[in-house]
Amino acid sequence: MLPTLAEIFGEPIPAYFTLLLIGFAFATWLAARLARNDGLNPDSFIDLGLFSVILGVLGARLLHVLVDGYFWDYVHLCTDPSKVAWEITAAQCARAEGIWDAARELCQPSGRDCFAWAAFWRGGLTYYGGLIAAAAFGIWFLKREGVPLYPGMDIAAIGISLGLVFGRLGCFLGGCCFGVHTDGPAGVSFPPFSPASESQWRAGLLEAPHWPSLPVHPTQLYEAVGCLAITGFLLFWLRPRKRFEGQLMLAFIGLYAILRFLLEFLRADERGELLGLSTSQLLAIPALLLVATLWPRWQRR
């Protein structure tokens, strides 16, 4: 775990966002190169990559605020901070400039913050929100630039898949998106006060949050490897053999939905009340239905 990679003017650079930007840079470079090989304008894909970073982060943050169970916390932070209580450690409370309630072992905000919902650098992003926002913008942008929509989506699919590899490596360095406890050989123990150790402490698995976590599944690395395999499949196998435009994008959506649905069983995410599935699993189901609906239609086209 390496939450920050360096500092600029005294400000820490989060590892997650550093890897995220590196991933977008590689993805944009690859997309521009593929566009040039296909006789499309590579500059359009460079612009698309830059705007997708902004829209992707915004969409991922908004979906987190709306569906991950923190919506009313963000509302109360602006209207009545006394209704907000964080189950974090005293050290974390001090770093967050909160007020520590020793009797209840809870941290409360020190004042109103009506823009906490927008503070994406503090953590809290839901990938599907970023994918939806970036995809909606990408469709509009490709049409505006006069780029053929379906060939453009096929190129974007490869870039998105590659970018996910770096994003999940950033998650591993940041310590988020960890898996459930395991005694298997793949288990990884995160350091004291990491998200994993704090989660296990609150669950009663550790006596104190300053202990290293019990070994957990490194689901971040599992997903990085899975996305790398999807990228290789799309780029080296399916792209030379595709039978209709848009096939690569549909293949990416379907393969990633399956990968994420299965990995969620190993992640330490909270499960919702609907069928005991997480938010990502619930979103993966309509994604697969969308692929099943569009595949025969686009193939006939």
Protein backbone atom coordinates (compact mmCIF):
# COMPACT_ATOMS: atom_id res chain seq x y z
CA MET A 1 0.00 0.00 0.00
CA LEU A 2 1.38 3.41 -1.01
CA PRO A 3 -1.32 6.10 -0.66
CA THR A 4 0.89 8.92 -2.01
CA LEU A 5 3.71 8.71 -4.53
CA ALA A 6 5.24 12.15 -4.06
CA GLU A 7 4.56 15.72 -3.03
CA ILE A 8 4.33 18.93 -5.03
CA PHE A 9 4.67 22.18 -3.08
CA GLY A 10 3.93 20.27 0.10
CA GLU A 11 0.73 18.72 -1.23
CA PRO A 12 0.59 14.90 -1.44
CA ILE A 13 -0.12 13.30 -4.81
CA PRO A 14 -2.56 10.41 -4.31
CA ALA A 15 -1.33 7.17 -5.86
CA TYR A 16 -4.79 6.37 -7.19
CA PHE A 17 -5.15 9.54 -9.23
CA THR A 18 -1.55 9.36 -10.37
CA LEU A 19 -2.10 5.87 -11.80
CA LEU A 20 -5.48 6.98 -13.16
CA LEU A 21 -3.89 9.79 -15.15
CA ILE A 22 -1.09 7.51 -16.36
CA GLY A 23 -3.72 5.01 -17.49
CA PHE A 24 -5.67 7.65 -19.39
CA ALA A 25 -2.45 8.83 -21.03
CA PHE A 26 -1.60 5.33 -22.28
CA ALA A 27 -5.20 4.68 -23.30
CA THR A 28 -5.37 7.94 -25.24
CA TRP A 29 -2.06 7.24 -26.97
CA LEU A 30 -3.21 3.76 -28.00
CA ALA A 31 -6.59 5.04 -29.20
CA ALA A 32 -4.94 7.75 -31.31
CA ARG A 33 -2.58 5.21 -32.85
CA LEU A 34 -5.41 2.81 -33.69
CA ALA A 35 -7.42 5.69 -35.16
CA ARG A 36 -4.54 6.62 -37.43
CA ASN A 37 -4.23 3.03 -38.61
CA ASP A 38 -7.97 3.01 -39.39
CA GLY A 39 -7.82 6.24 -41.35
CA LEU A 40 -9.58 8.30 -38.65
CA ASN A 41 -8.49 11.59 -37.14
CA PRO A 42 -6.21 10.80 -34.15
CA ASP A 43 -6.59 14.32 -32.75
CA SER A 44 -10.27 13.65 -32.10
CA PHE A 45 -9.37 10.72 -29.87
CA ILE A 46 -6.76 12.74 -28.00
CA ASP A 47 -9.40 15.36 -27.23
CA LEU A 48 -11.87 12.64 -26.33
CA GLY A 49 -9.39 11.15 -23.87
CA LEU A 50 -8.79 14.47 -22.13
CA PHE A 51 -12.47 15.26 -21.74
CA SER A 52 -13.25 11.68 -20.69
CA VAL A 53 -10.96 12.06 -17.66
CA ILE A 54 -13.04 14.98 -16.42
CA LEU A 55 -16.44 13.49 -17.24
CA GLY A 56 -15.43 10.06 -15.96
CA VAL A 57 -14.37 11.33 -12.54
CA LEU A 58 -17.46 13.55 -12.30
CA GLY A 59 -19.82 10.71 -13.21
CA ALA A 60 -18.10 8.26 -10.86
CA ARG A 61 -18.33 10.75 -8.02
CA LEU A 62 -22.00 11.57 -8.60
CA LEU A 63 -23.02 7.91 -8.70
CA HIS A 64 -21.09 7.33 -5.46
CA VAL A 65 -22.95 10.20 -3.80
CA LEU A 66 -26.33 8.96 -5.00
CA VAL A 67 -26.19 5.17 -4.60
CA ASP A 68 -23.39 4.18 -2.21
CA GLY A 69 -25.33 5.07 0.95
CA TYR A 70 -23.74 8.43 1.78
CA PHE A 71 -26.30 10.75 0.19
CA TRP A 72 -27.83 11.99 3.46
CA ASP A 73 -24.39 12.44 5.02
CA TYR A 74 -23.53 14.90 2.27
CA VAL A 75 -26.89 16.64 2.73
CA HIS A 76 -26.46 16.91 6.49
CA LEU A 77 -22.89 18.16 6.13
CA CYS A 78 -24.42 21.22 4.51
CA THR A 79 -27.62 21.57 6.53
CA ASP A 80 -26.97 20.08 10.00
CA PRO A 81 -23.47 18.59 10.64
CA SER A 82 -24.57 17.36 14.09
CA LYS A 83 -26.46 14.54 12.34
CA VAL A 84 -23.24 13.19 10.79
CA ALA A 85 -21.08 10.69 12.67
CA TRP A 86 -18.11 8.86 11.12
CA GLU A 87 -16.93 5.49 12.43
CA ILE A 88 -13.22 6.24 12.06
CA THR A 89 -10.27 6.39 14.42
CA ALA A 90 -9.20 9.36 16.50
CA ALA A 91 -6.10 9.79 14.32
CA GLN A 92 -8.20 9.85 11.19
CA CYS A 93 -10.60 12.29 12.81
CA ALA A 94 -7.73 14.63 13.54
CA ARG A 95 -6.49 14.43 9.94
CA ALA A 96 -10.02 15.18 8.74
CA GLU A 97 -10.14 18.17 11.13
CA GLY A 98 -13.17 16.69 12.85
CA ILE A 99 -14.30 16.60 16.48
CA TRP A 100 -13.59 13.34 18.29
CA ASP A 101 -16.31 11.98 20.59
CA ALA A 102 -14.36 9.69 22.92
CA ALA A 103 -17.47 8.38 24.70
CA ARG A 104 -19.07 7.06 21.51
CA GLU A 105 -15.76 6.59 19.64
CA LEU A 106 -17.14 8.57 16.72
CA CYS A 107 -15.93 11.54 14.74
CA GLN A 108 -18.17 14.47 13.87
CA PRO A 109 -17.45 17.26 11.39
CA SER A 110 -16.24 20.53 12.84
CA GLY A 111 -18.51 22.66 10.66
CA ARG A 112 -20.65 22.86 7.56
CA ASP A 113 -19.28 21.79 4.21
CA CYS A 114 -21.73 22.17 1.34
CA PHE A 115 -19.15 21.04 -1.21
CA ALA A 116 -18.03 17.79 0.42
CA TRP A 117 -19.96 15.85 -2.23
CA ALA A 118 -17.61 17.24 -4.88
CA ALA A 119 -14.34 16.42 -3.06
CA PHE A 120 -13.46 13.41 -5.22
CA TRP A 121 -9.80 13.53 -4.15
CA ARG A 122 -10.88 12.34 -0.68
CA GLY A 123 -12.05 9.04 -2.16
CA GLY A 124 -15.43 7.70 -3.18
CA LEU A 125 -15.84 6.85 -6.85
CA THR A 126 -18.18 4.34 -8.50
CA TYR A 127 -16.75 3.13 -11.80
CA TYR A 128 -20.03 2.55 -13.62
CA GLY A 129 -20.95 6.20 -13.07
CA GLY A 130 -17.76 7.26 -14.80
CA LEU A 131 -18.36 4.83 -17.65
CA ILE A 132 -21.91 6.07 -18.23
CA ALA A 133 -20.92 9.74 -18.15
CA ALA A 134 -17.87 9.29 -20.37
CA ALA A 135 -19.82 7.09 -22.80
CA ALA A 136 -22.65 9.61 -23.15
CA PHE A 137 -20.17 12.41 -23.77
CA GLY A 138 -18.12 10.23 -26.13
CA ILE A 139 -21.13 9.49 -28.35
CA TRP A 140 -21.96 13.19 -28.59
CA PHE A 141 -18.33 14.16 -29.17
CA LEU A 142 -17.68 11.60 -31.93
CA LYS A 143 -20.80 12.76 -33.77
CA ARG A 144 -19.76 16.38 -33.36
CA GLU A 145 -16.29 15.65 -34.72
CA GLY A 146 -17.70 13.74 -37.68
CA VAL A 147 -15.99 10.50 -36.62
CA PRO A 148 -17.93 7.33 -37.63
CA LEU A 149 -19.66 6.40 -34.40
CA TYR A 150 -19.37 2.60 -34.32
CA PRO A 151 -15.71 2.35 -35.45
CA GLY A 152 -14.95 5.10 -32.95
CA MET A 153 -16.60 3.15 -30.14
CA ASP A 154 -14.54 0.07 -31.00
CA ILE A 155 -11.34 2.06 -30.61
CA ALA A 156 -12.58 3.63 -27.38
CA ALA A 157 -13.39 0.19 -25.94
CA ILE A 158 -9.74 -0.86 -26.15
CA GLY A 159 -8.61 2.39 -24.56
CA ILE A 160 -11.11 2.14 -21.70
CA SER A 161 -10.09 -1.42 -20.94
CA LEU A 162 -6.42 -0.47 -20.83
CA GLY A 163 -7.13 2.53 -18.61
CA LEU A 164 -8.89 0.27 -16.13
CA VAL A 165 -5.71 -1.74 -15.64
CA PHE A 166 -3.88 1.31 -14.28
CA GLY A 167 -6.90 2.46 -12.31
CA ARG A 168 -7.06 -0.80 -10.37
CA LEU A 169 -3.32 -0.73 -9.74
CA GLY A 170 -3.93 2.69 -8.21
CA CYS A 171 -6.66 1.17 -6.04
CA PHE A 172 -4.18 -1.41 -4.78
CA LEU A 173 -1.62 1.25 -3.87
CA GLY A 174 -4.31 3.35 -2.21
CA GLY A 175 -5.65 0.36 -0.26
CA CYS A 176 -9.27 0.73 -1.36
CA CYS A 177 -11.52 -1.84 -3.08
CA PHE A 178 -9.93 -4.68 -1.08
CA GLY A 179 -11.34 -8.16 -0.78
CA VAL A 180 -12.67 -10.37 1.99
CA HIS A 181 -10.45 -12.24 4.41
CA THR A 182 -8.66 -15.30 3.03
CA ASP A 183 -6.10 -17.78 4.31
CA GLY A 184 -5.12 -18.73 0.77
CA PRO A 185 -1.71 -18.11 -0.80
CA ALA A 186 -2.97 -15.05 -2.67
CA GLY A 187 -3.87 -13.19 0.53
CA VAL A 188 -2.35 -9.73 1.09
CA SER A 189 -2.12 -7.94 4.44
CA PHE A 190 -2.51 -4.16 4.38
CA PRO A 191 -0.70 -1.92 6.91
CA PRO A 192 -2.19 -0.39 10.07
CA PHE A 193 -4.86 2.30 9.63
CA SER A 194 -5.44 1.14 6.06
CA PRO A 195 -9.04 0.85 4.85
CA ALA A 196 -8.78 -2.93 5.24
CA SER A 197 -7.52 -2.85 8.84
CA GLU A 198 -10.11 -0.24 9.86
CA SER A 199 -12.92 -2.22 8.22
CA GLN A 200 -11.86 -5.40 10.02
CA TRP A 201 -11.56 -3.52 13.30
CA ARG A 202 -15.13 -2.21 12.98
CA ALA A 203 -16.28 -5.74 12.12
CA GLY A 204 -14.64 -7.10 15.27
CA LEU A 205 -11.95 -9.06 13.45
CA LEU A 206 -9.10 -6.92 14.85
CA GLU A 207 -8.67 -5.63 18.40
CA ALA A 208 -7.37 -2.26 17.21
CA PRO A 209 -7.10 -0.36 13.92
CA HIS A 210 -3.36 0.14 14.40
CA TRP A 211 -2.83 -3.54 13.67
CA PRO A 212 -2.09 -4.77 10.14
CA SER A 213 -5.10 -6.26 8.46
CA LEU A 214 -5.75 -9.95 8.23
CA PRO A 215 -4.88 -11.31 4.75
CA VAL A 216 -7.49 -10.37 2.17
CA HIS A 217 -8.06 -11.13 -1.49
CA PRO A 218 -6.20 -8.51 -3.59
CA THR A 219 -9.29 -7.98 -5.75
CA GLN A 220 -7.72 -4.83 -7.18
CA LEU A 221 -4.97 -6.93 -8.75
CA TYR A 222 -7.46 -9.59 -9.85
CA GLU A 223 -9.41 -6.95 -11.75
CA ALA A 224 -6.24 -5.38 -13.20
CA VAL A 225 -5.19 -8.76 -14.58
CA GLY A 226 -8.70 -9.41 -15.87
CA CYS A 227 -8.86 -6.05 -17.65
CA LEU A 228 -5.42 -6.63 -19.14
CA ALA A 229 -6.69 -9.95 -20.51
CA ILE A 230 -9.77 -8.21 -21.94
CA THR A 231 -7.56 -5.58 -23.57
CA GLY A 232 -5.37 -8.22 -25.17
CA PHE A 233 -8.39 -10.16 -26.37
CA LEU A 234 -10.00 -7.09 -27.94
CA LEU A 235 -6.81 -5.78 -29.51
CA PHE A 236 -5.08 -8.90 -30.78
CA TRP A 237 -7.86 -11.41 -31.36
CA LEU A 238 -11.25 -9.79 -31.86
CA ARG A 239 -10.20 -6.61 -33.66
CA PRO A 240 -8.71 -8.44 -36.70
CA ARG A 241 -11.74 -10.75 -36.79
CA LYS A 242 -14.66 -8.46 -35.95
CA ARG A 243 -17.76 -9.02 -38.06
CA PHE A 244 -19.57 -5.73 -37.47
CA GLU A 245 -18.76 -2.22 -36.29
CA GLY A 246 -19.38 -1.77 -32.59
CA GLN A 247 -18.61 -5.41 -31.78
CA LEU A 248 -15.55 -4.53 -29.70
CA MET A 249 -17.50 -2.11 -27.52
CA LEU A 250 -20.26 -4.64 -26.89
CA ALA A 251 -17.68 -7.33 -26.15
CA PHE A 252 -15.92 -5.05 -23.67
CA ILE A 253 -19.14 -4.14 -21.84
CA GLY A 254 -20.19 -7.77 -21.62
CA LEU A 255 -16.81 -9.14 -20.54
CA TYR A 256 -16.25 -6.42 -17.96
CA ALA A 257 -19.75 -6.86 -16.54
CA ILE A 258 -19.10 -10.58 -16.06
CA LEU A 259 -15.67 -9.96 -14.55
CA ARG A 260 -16.97 -7.35 -12.13
CA PHE A 261 -20.03 -9.38 -11.17
CA LEU A 262 -17.86 -12.36 -10.19
CA LEU A 263 -15.18 -10.30 -8.44
CA GLU A 264 -17.78 -8.60 -6.26
CA PHE A 265 -18.26 -11.89 -4.40
CA LEU A 266 -14.64 -11.58 -3.25
CA ARG A 267 -14.74 -7.87 -2.48
CA ALA A 268 -15.50 -6.56 0.99
CA ASP A 269 -18.26 -4.30 -0.32
CA GLU A 270 -21.51 -3.88 1.52
CA ARG A 271 -24.33 -5.88 0.01
CA GLY A 272 -27.66 -4.27 -0.65
CA GLU A 273 -31.09 -5.54 0.32
CA LEU A 274 -31.96 -6.60 -3.24
CA LEU A 275 -30.94 -10.25 -3.66
CA GLY A 276 -27.89 -9.57 -1.50
CA LEU A 277 -26.05 -8.02 -4.45
CA SER A 278 -23.75 -5.02 -4.43
CA THR A 279 -24.36 -1.87 -6.46
CA SER A 280 -21.85 -2.96 -9.10
CA GLN A 281 -23.50 -6.36 -9.44
CA LEU A 282 -26.92 -4.77 -9.85
CA LEU A 283 -25.53 -2.51 -12.58
CA ALA A 284 -23.79 -5.43 -14.30
CA ILE A 285 -27.13 -7.15 -14.93
CA PRO A 286 -28.66 -4.40 -17.14
CA ALA A 287 -25.26 -4.03 -18.84
CA LEU A 288 -25.42 -7.68 -19.92
CA LEU A 289 -29.03 -7.30 -21.00
CA LEU A 290 -28.03 -4.28 -23.09
CA VAL A 291 -25.31 -6.30 -24.82
CA ALA A 292 -27.70 -9.19 -25.47
CA THR A 293 -30.20 -6.77 -27.00
CA LEU A 294 -27.83 -4.74 -29.16
CA TRP A 295 -25.59 -7.56 -30.41
CA PRO A 296 -28.06 -9.11 -32.90
CA ARG A 297 -29.34 -5.69 -33.95
CA TRP A 298 -25.91 -4.29 -34.71
CA GLN A 299 -24.87 -7.53 -36.38
CA ARG A 300 -27.85 -7.33 -38.76
CA ARG A 301 -27.07 -3.68 -39.46
